[in-house]
Amino acid sequence: MAILGNRKANSSAEQGKSAAKSVKQGAHAAGADLSEQVGALRKRIEELAEALGNTGHDKARAAVDEARKASRQALLQAEKGYGAVADHTRAAGATTARVTAERPAIALGFAAAIGLLAGYALARR
């Protein structure tokens, strides 16, 4: 009976060792698999970060291009406005010269009135 008990104990010990070895191998395989998954996840995160960085850079470049386009359009509009003001000023100057030549007394009275108003405004300060 003692021999039978030893055999059972040895058999149980061997089964325990075998089970421990199996668990150890399973844990090692799971650890390796987990390590691979973490590596793949890290690589994917790096790819996404790079893609987001490129997207931000592309959006910034597009915004700069759009701002340049808007500034060119604003400059063209300003040049058109300047041209219109210059034409209007030339026309007003020509009208003033014509009226002054046709009616010098009215032009002199108008100039005197403006001079009096300007003098009065400056004297009050």
N, C-alpha and C. Protein backbone atom coordinates (compact mmCIF):
# COMPACT_ATOMS: atom_id res chain seq x y z
N MET A 1 0.79 -1.17 0.00
CA MET A 1 0.00 0.00 0.00
C MET A 1 0.85 1.25 0.00
N ALA A 2 1.96 1.20 0.67
CA ALA A 2 2.86 2.34 0.71
C ALA A 2 3.40 2.63 -0.67
N ILE A 3 3.66 1.56 -1.44
CA ILE A 3 4.17 1.76 -2.79
C ILE A 3 3.09 2.38 -3.65
N LEU A 4 1.87 1.91 -3.48
CA LEU A 4 0.75 2.46 -4.23
C LEU A 4 0.53 3.92 -3.87
N GLY A 5 0.71 4.27 -2.61
CA GLY A 5 0.57 5.66 -2.15
C GLY A 5 1.65 6.53 -2.74
N ASN A 6 2.90 5.97 -2.82
CA ASN A 6 4.01 6.72 -3.41
C ASN A 6 3.76 6.95 -4.90
N ARG A 7 3.24 5.91 -5.56
CA ARG A 7 2.97 6.05 -7.00
C ARG A 7 1.92 7.13 -7.23
N LYS A 8 0.88 7.12 -6.40
CA LYS A 8 -0.16 8.13 -6.54
C LYS A 8 0.41 9.51 -6.27
N ALA A 9 1.26 9.62 -5.28
CA ALA A 9 1.88 10.90 -4.93
C ALA A 9 2.79 11.35 -6.07
N ASN A 10 3.59 10.39 -6.62
CA ASN A 10 4.46 10.74 -7.74
C ASN A 10 3.64 11.14 -8.96
N SER A 11 2.57 10.37 -9.20
CA SER A 11 1.71 10.66 -10.33
C SER A 11 1.06 12.03 -10.16
N SER A 12 0.61 12.32 -8.96
CA SER A 12 -0.01 13.63 -8.69
C SER A 12 1.01 14.74 -8.83
N ALA A 13 2.23 14.49 -8.36
CA ALA A 13 3.29 15.49 -8.46
C ALA A 13 3.64 15.76 -9.91
N GLU A 14 3.71 14.66 -10.70
CA GLU A 14 4.01 14.82 -12.12
C GLU A 14 2.88 15.56 -12.82
N GLN A 15 1.65 15.25 -12.46
CA GLN A 15 0.51 15.96 -13.06
C GLN A 15 0.55 17.44 -12.67
N GLY A 16 0.91 17.70 -11.43
CA GLY A 16 1.02 19.09 -10.96
C GLY A 16 2.10 19.84 -11.71
N LYS A 17 3.27 19.14 -11.89
CA LYS A 17 4.37 19.75 -12.63
C LYS A 17 3.95 20.00 -14.08
N SER A 18 3.27 19.03 -14.66
CA SER A 18 2.81 19.13 -16.03
C SER A 18 1.81 20.28 -16.17
N ALA A 19 0.91 20.36 -15.19
CA ALA A 19 -0.10 21.43 -15.21
C ALA A 19 0.59 22.79 -15.05
N ALA A 20 1.55 22.87 -14.15
CA ALA A 20 2.28 24.12 -13.93
C ALA A 20 3.04 24.52 -15.19
N LYS A 21 3.67 23.50 -15.83
CA LYS A 21 4.40 23.76 -17.07
C LYS A 21 3.45 24.25 -18.15
N SER A 22 2.26 23.61 -18.23
CA SER A 22 1.26 23.99 -19.22
C SER A 22 0.76 25.41 -18.95
N VAL A 23 0.52 25.73 -17.69
CA VAL A 23 0.08 27.09 -17.32
C VAL A 23 1.18 28.09 -17.65
N LYS A 24 2.42 27.73 -17.35
CA LYS A 24 3.54 28.62 -17.62
C LYS A 24 3.67 28.88 -19.12
N GLN A 25 3.54 27.83 -19.93
CA GLN A 25 3.62 27.98 -21.39
C GLN A 25 2.45 28.83 -21.91
N GLY A 26 1.25 28.59 -21.34
CA GLY A 26 0.07 29.36 -21.74
C GLY A 26 0.23 30.83 -21.37
N ALA A 27 0.77 31.08 -20.19
CA ALA A 27 0.99 32.45 -19.75
C ALA A 27 2.05 33.12 -20.63
N HIS A 28 3.10 32.38 -20.95
CA HIS A 28 4.15 32.91 -21.83
C HIS A 28 3.56 33.24 -23.20
N ALA A 29 2.73 32.33 -23.74
CA ALA A 29 2.11 32.56 -25.05
C ALA A 29 1.16 33.75 -24.98
N ALA A 30 0.38 33.84 -23.90
CA ALA A 30 -0.54 34.97 -23.74
C ALA A 30 0.24 36.27 -23.59
N GLY A 31 1.34 36.23 -22.87
CA GLY A 31 2.18 37.41 -22.70
C GLY A 31 2.78 37.86 -24.02
N ALA A 32 3.23 36.89 -24.81
CA ALA A 32 3.80 37.22 -26.13
C ALA A 32 2.72 37.81 -27.03
N ASP A 33 1.52 37.22 -26.98
CA ASP A 33 0.40 37.70 -27.78
C ASP A 33 0.01 39.12 -27.34
N LEU A 34 -0.04 39.33 -26.04
CA LEU A 34 -0.37 40.64 -25.51
C LEU A 34 0.70 41.66 -25.91
N SER A 35 1.95 41.24 -25.86
CA SER A 35 3.05 42.12 -26.26
C SER A 35 2.92 42.52 -27.72
N GLU A 36 2.54 41.55 -28.57
CA GLU A 36 2.34 41.84 -29.99
C GLU A 36 1.19 42.81 -30.18
N GLN A 37 0.11 42.60 -29.42
CA GLN A 37 -1.04 43.49 -29.54
C GLN A 37 -0.70 44.90 -29.09
N VAL A 38 0.05 45.02 -28.02
CA VAL A 38 0.48 46.34 -27.54
C VAL A 38 1.37 47.01 -28.57
N GLY A 39 2.27 46.25 -29.16
CA GLY A 39 3.14 46.79 -30.21
C GLY A 39 2.34 47.27 -31.42
N ALA A 40 1.35 46.47 -31.83
CA ALA A 40 0.51 46.85 -32.97
C ALA A 40 -0.31 48.09 -32.63
N LEU A 41 -0.82 48.14 -31.41
CA LEU A 41 -1.60 49.31 -30.97
C LEU A 41 -0.72 50.56 -30.94
N ARG A 42 0.49 50.42 -30.42
CA ARG A 42 1.41 51.55 -30.37
C ARG A 42 1.71 52.06 -31.79
N LYS A 43 1.93 51.13 -32.72
CA LYS A 43 2.21 51.51 -34.11
C LYS A 43 1.01 52.23 -34.71
N ARG A 44 -0.20 51.74 -34.45
CA ARG A 44 -1.42 52.36 -34.99
C ARG A 44 -1.61 53.77 -34.41
N ILE A 45 -1.32 53.93 -33.12
CA ILE A 45 -1.43 55.25 -32.49
C ILE A 45 -0.44 56.22 -33.12
N GLU A 46 0.77 55.76 -33.37
CA GLU A 46 1.76 56.61 -34.03
C GLU A 46 1.31 57.01 -35.42
N GLU A 47 0.72 56.06 -36.16
CA GLU A 47 0.22 56.36 -37.51
C GLU A 47 -0.91 57.39 -37.44
N LEU A 48 -1.82 57.22 -36.48
CA LEU A 48 -2.92 58.17 -36.33
C LEU A 48 -2.41 59.55 -35.93
N ALA A 49 -1.44 59.60 -35.04
CA ALA A 49 -0.88 60.88 -34.62
C ALA A 49 -0.22 61.58 -35.80
N GLU A 50 0.49 60.82 -36.62
CA GLU A 50 1.12 61.40 -37.80
C GLU A 50 0.07 61.90 -38.79
N ALA A 51 -0.99 61.10 -38.97
CA ALA A 51 -2.07 61.50 -39.89
C ALA A 51 -2.75 62.77 -39.38
N LEU A 52 -2.98 62.85 -38.08
CA LEU A 52 -3.60 64.06 -37.52
C LEU A 52 -2.67 65.25 -37.68
N GLY A 53 -1.39 65.03 -37.46
CA GLY A 53 -0.42 66.11 -37.64
C GLY A 53 -0.41 66.61 -39.07
N ASN A 54 -0.45 65.68 -40.02
CA ASN A 54 -0.48 66.07 -41.43
C ASN A 54 -1.77 66.79 -41.77
N THR A 55 -2.88 66.32 -41.19
CA THR A 55 -4.17 66.96 -41.44
C THR A 55 -4.15 68.39 -40.91
N GLY A 56 -3.62 68.58 -39.72
CA GLY A 56 -3.52 69.93 -39.15
C GLY A 56 -2.64 70.82 -40.01
N HIS A 57 -1.54 70.27 -40.48
CA HIS A 57 -0.63 71.03 -41.33
C HIS A 57 -1.32 71.39 -42.65
N ASP A 58 -2.04 70.42 -43.21
CA ASP A 58 -2.76 70.68 -44.46
C ASP A 58 -3.84 71.74 -44.27
N LYS A 59 -4.55 71.67 -43.14
CA LYS A 59 -5.58 72.67 -42.87
C LYS A 59 -4.96 74.05 -42.68
N ALA A 60 -3.83 74.11 -42.00
CA ALA A 60 -3.16 75.39 -41.81
C ALA A 60 -2.71 75.96 -43.15
N ARG A 61 -2.17 75.10 -44.00
CA ARG A 61 -1.74 75.54 -45.32
C ARG A 61 -2.94 76.04 -46.14
N ALA A 62 -4.06 75.33 -46.05
CA ALA A 62 -5.27 75.75 -46.76
C ALA A 62 -5.77 77.08 -46.23
N ALA A 63 -5.69 77.27 -44.92
CA ALA A 63 -6.13 78.54 -44.32
C ALA A 63 -5.24 79.69 -44.78
N VAL A 64 -3.94 79.45 -44.87
CA VAL A 64 -3.02 80.48 -45.35
C VAL A 64 -3.32 80.82 -46.80
N ASP A 65 -3.54 79.80 -47.61
CA ASP A 65 -3.87 80.02 -49.03
C ASP A 65 -5.16 80.82 -49.16
N GLU A 66 -6.15 80.48 -48.34
CA GLU A 66 -7.44 81.18 -48.37
C GLU A 66 -7.26 82.63 -47.93
N ALA A 67 -6.42 82.87 -46.92
CA ALA A 67 -6.18 84.23 -46.46
C ALA A 67 -5.46 85.04 -47.54
N ARG A 68 -4.53 84.43 -48.24
CA ARG A 68 -3.84 85.12 -49.33
C ARG A 68 -4.81 85.48 -50.45
N LYS A 69 -5.69 84.54 -50.76
CA LYS A 69 -6.69 84.78 -51.80
C LYS A 69 -7.61 85.93 -51.40
N ALA A 70 -8.05 85.92 -50.15
CA ALA A 70 -8.93 86.99 -49.65
C ALA A 70 -8.21 88.34 -49.65
N SER A 71 -6.92 88.33 -49.31
CA SER A 71 -6.17 89.59 -49.29
C SER A 71 -5.99 90.13 -50.71
N ARG A 72 -5.78 89.25 -51.67
CA ARG A 72 -5.69 89.70 -53.07
C ARG A 72 -7.00 90.32 -53.53
N GLN A 73 -8.12 89.69 -53.17
CA GLN A 73 -9.42 90.22 -53.55
C GLN A 73 -9.67 91.56 -52.86
N ALA A 74 -9.29 91.67 -51.59
CA ALA A 74 -9.46 92.94 -50.87
C ALA A 74 -8.61 94.03 -51.50
N LEU A 75 -7.40 93.69 -51.91
CA LEU A 75 -6.52 94.66 -52.56
C LEU A 75 -7.13 95.13 -53.89
N LEU A 76 -7.68 94.19 -54.67
CA LEU A 76 -8.32 94.58 -55.92
C LEU A 76 -9.51 95.51 -55.67
N GLN A 77 -10.31 95.20 -54.65
CA GLN A 77 -11.46 96.04 -54.32
C GLN A 77 -10.99 97.42 -53.84
N ALA A 78 -9.92 97.46 -53.06
CA ALA A 78 -9.38 98.73 -52.59
C ALA A 78 -8.87 99.56 -53.76
N GLU A 79 -8.22 98.91 -54.72
CA GLU A 79 -7.73 99.64 -55.89
C GLU A 79 -8.89 100.20 -56.71
N LYS A 80 -9.97 99.41 -56.84
CA LYS A 80 -11.15 99.90 -57.55
C LYS A 80 -11.75 101.08 -56.81
N GLY A 81 -11.84 100.97 -55.48
CA GLY A 81 -12.38 102.06 -54.66
C GLY A 81 -11.51 103.30 -54.77
N TYR A 82 -10.20 103.10 -54.73
CA TYR A 82 -9.27 104.23 -54.86
C TYR A 82 -9.47 104.91 -56.22
N GLY A 83 -9.62 104.11 -57.25
CA GLY A 83 -9.84 104.67 -58.59
C GLY A 83 -11.14 105.48 -58.64
N ALA A 84 -12.19 104.96 -58.01
CA ALA A 84 -13.48 105.67 -58.00
C ALA A 84 -13.36 106.97 -57.23
N VAL A 85 -12.69 106.95 -56.09
CA VAL A 85 -12.50 108.18 -55.30
C VAL A 85 -11.66 109.18 -56.07
N ALA A 86 -10.62 108.70 -56.70
CA ALA A 86 -9.75 109.60 -57.48
C ALA A 86 -10.54 110.24 -58.62
N ASP A 87 -11.36 109.46 -59.31
CA ASP A 87 -12.20 110.01 -60.39
C ASP A 87 -13.18 111.05 -59.84
N HIS A 88 -13.80 110.74 -58.72
CA HIS A 88 -14.76 111.66 -58.11
C HIS A 88 -14.06 112.95 -57.66
N THR A 89 -12.87 112.82 -57.10
CA THR A 89 -12.11 114.00 -56.66
C THR A 89 -11.71 114.86 -57.86
N ARG A 90 -11.29 114.23 -58.93
CA ARG A 90 -10.94 115.00 -60.13
C ARG A 90 -12.17 115.75 -60.67
N ALA A 91 -13.32 115.06 -60.68
CA ALA A 91 -14.55 115.69 -61.16
C ALA A 91 -14.95 116.85 -60.26
N ALA A 92 -14.82 116.67 -58.94
CA ALA A 92 -15.15 117.75 -58.00
C ALA A 92 -14.20 118.93 -58.18
N GLY A 93 -12.92 118.63 -58.40
CA GLY A 93 -11.94 119.69 -58.64
C GLY A 93 -12.25 120.46 -59.91
N ALA A 94 -12.64 119.74 -60.95
CA ALA A 94 -12.98 120.40 -62.21
C ALA A 94 -14.24 121.25 -62.05
N THR A 95 -15.22 120.76 -61.32
CA THR A 95 -16.45 121.52 -61.07
C THR A 95 -16.12 122.77 -60.26
N THR A 96 -15.29 122.64 -59.24
CA THR A 96 -14.90 123.78 -58.41
C THR A 96 -14.17 124.82 -59.26
N ALA A 97 -13.28 124.39 -60.10
CA ALA A 97 -12.54 125.32 -60.96
C ALA A 97 -13.49 126.02 -61.92
N ARG A 98 -14.45 125.30 -62.47
CA ARG A 98 -15.41 125.89 -63.41
C ARG A 98 -16.31 126.92 -62.70
N VAL A 99 -16.85 126.55 -61.51
CA VAL A 99 -17.73 127.47 -60.77
C VAL A 99 -16.95 128.70 -60.32
N THR A 100 -15.72 128.52 -59.89
CA THR A 100 -14.90 129.65 -59.45
C THR A 100 -14.62 130.60 -60.61
N ALA A 101 -14.39 130.05 -61.78
CA ALA A 101 -14.13 130.89 -62.96
C ALA A 101 -15.40 131.60 -63.41
N GLU A 102 -16.55 130.94 -63.30
CA GLU A 102 -17.81 131.53 -63.75
C GLU A 102 -18.36 132.55 -62.75
N ARG A 103 -18.20 132.30 -61.45
CA ARG A 103 -18.75 133.18 -60.41
C ARG A 103 -17.71 133.42 -59.32
N PRO A 104 -16.78 134.29 -59.57
CA PRO A 104 -15.71 134.52 -58.59
C PRO A 104 -16.22 135.11 -57.28
N ALA A 105 -17.26 135.92 -57.30
CA ALA A 105 -17.76 136.53 -56.07
C ALA A 105 -18.34 135.47 -55.13
N ILE A 106 -19.08 134.53 -55.68
CA ILE A 106 -19.65 133.44 -54.86
C ILE A 106 -18.52 132.59 -54.29
N ALA A 107 -17.53 132.29 -55.07
CA ALA A 107 -16.40 131.48 -54.60
C ALA A 107 -15.66 132.21 -53.48
N LEU A 108 -15.48 133.55 -53.62
CA LEU A 108 -14.79 134.33 -52.59
C LEU A 108 -15.62 134.36 -51.31
N GLY A 109 -16.93 134.51 -51.43
CA GLY A 109 -17.80 134.50 -50.25
C GLY A 109 -17.78 133.14 -49.56
N PHE A 110 -17.81 132.11 -50.32
CA PHE A 110 -17.78 130.76 -49.77
C PHE A 110 -16.47 130.52 -49.02
N ALA A 111 -15.35 130.95 -49.60
CA ALA A 111 -14.04 130.79 -48.97
C ALA A 111 -13.98 131.58 -47.67
N ALA A 112 -14.55 132.82 -47.69
CA ALA A 112 -14.54 133.65 -46.48
C ALA A 112 -15.38 132.99 -45.38
N ALA A 113 -16.52 132.42 -45.74
CA ALA A 113 -17.37 131.76 -44.74
C ALA A 113 -16.66 130.57 -44.12
N ILE A 114 -16.00 129.81 -44.92
CA ILE A 114 -15.25 128.65 -44.39
C ILE A 114 -14.13 129.13 -43.49
N GLY A 115 -13.44 130.19 -43.87
CA GLY A 115 -12.37 130.75 -43.05
C GLY A 115 -12.89 131.23 -41.70
N LEU A 116 -14.06 131.90 -41.68
CA LEU A 116 -14.64 132.37 -40.43
C LEU A 116 -15.03 131.21 -39.52
N LEU A 117 -15.66 130.19 -40.10
CA LEU A 117 -16.04 129.02 -39.31
C LEU A 117 -14.83 128.30 -38.73
N ALA A 118 -13.78 128.17 -39.52
CA ALA A 118 -12.56 127.52 -39.04
C ALA A 118 -11.91 128.33 -37.94
N GLY A 119 -11.87 129.66 -38.10
CA GLY A 119 -11.29 130.53 -37.06
C GLY A 119 -12.09 130.47 -35.79
N TYR A 120 -13.42 130.48 -35.89
CA TYR A 120 -14.26 130.40 -34.71
C TYR A 120 -14.08 129.08 -34.00
N ALA A 121 -13.99 127.99 -34.72
CA ALA A 121 -13.82 126.66 -34.13
C ALA A 121 -12.47 126.55 -33.43
N LEU A 122 -11.43 127.09 -34.01
CA LEU A 122 -10.10 127.01 -33.40
C LEU A 122 -9.96 127.95 -32.22
N ALA A 123 -10.67 129.08 -32.22
CA ALA A 123 -10.57 130.04 -31.11
C ALA A 123 -11.23 129.49 -29.86
N ARG A 124 -12.20 128.67 -29.98
CA ARG A 124 -12.92 128.12 -28.82
C ARG A 124 -12.10 127.09 -28.09
N ARG A 125 -11.09 126.58 -28.65
CA ARG A 125 -10.28 125.55 -27.98
C ARG A 125 -9.36 126.19 -27.06
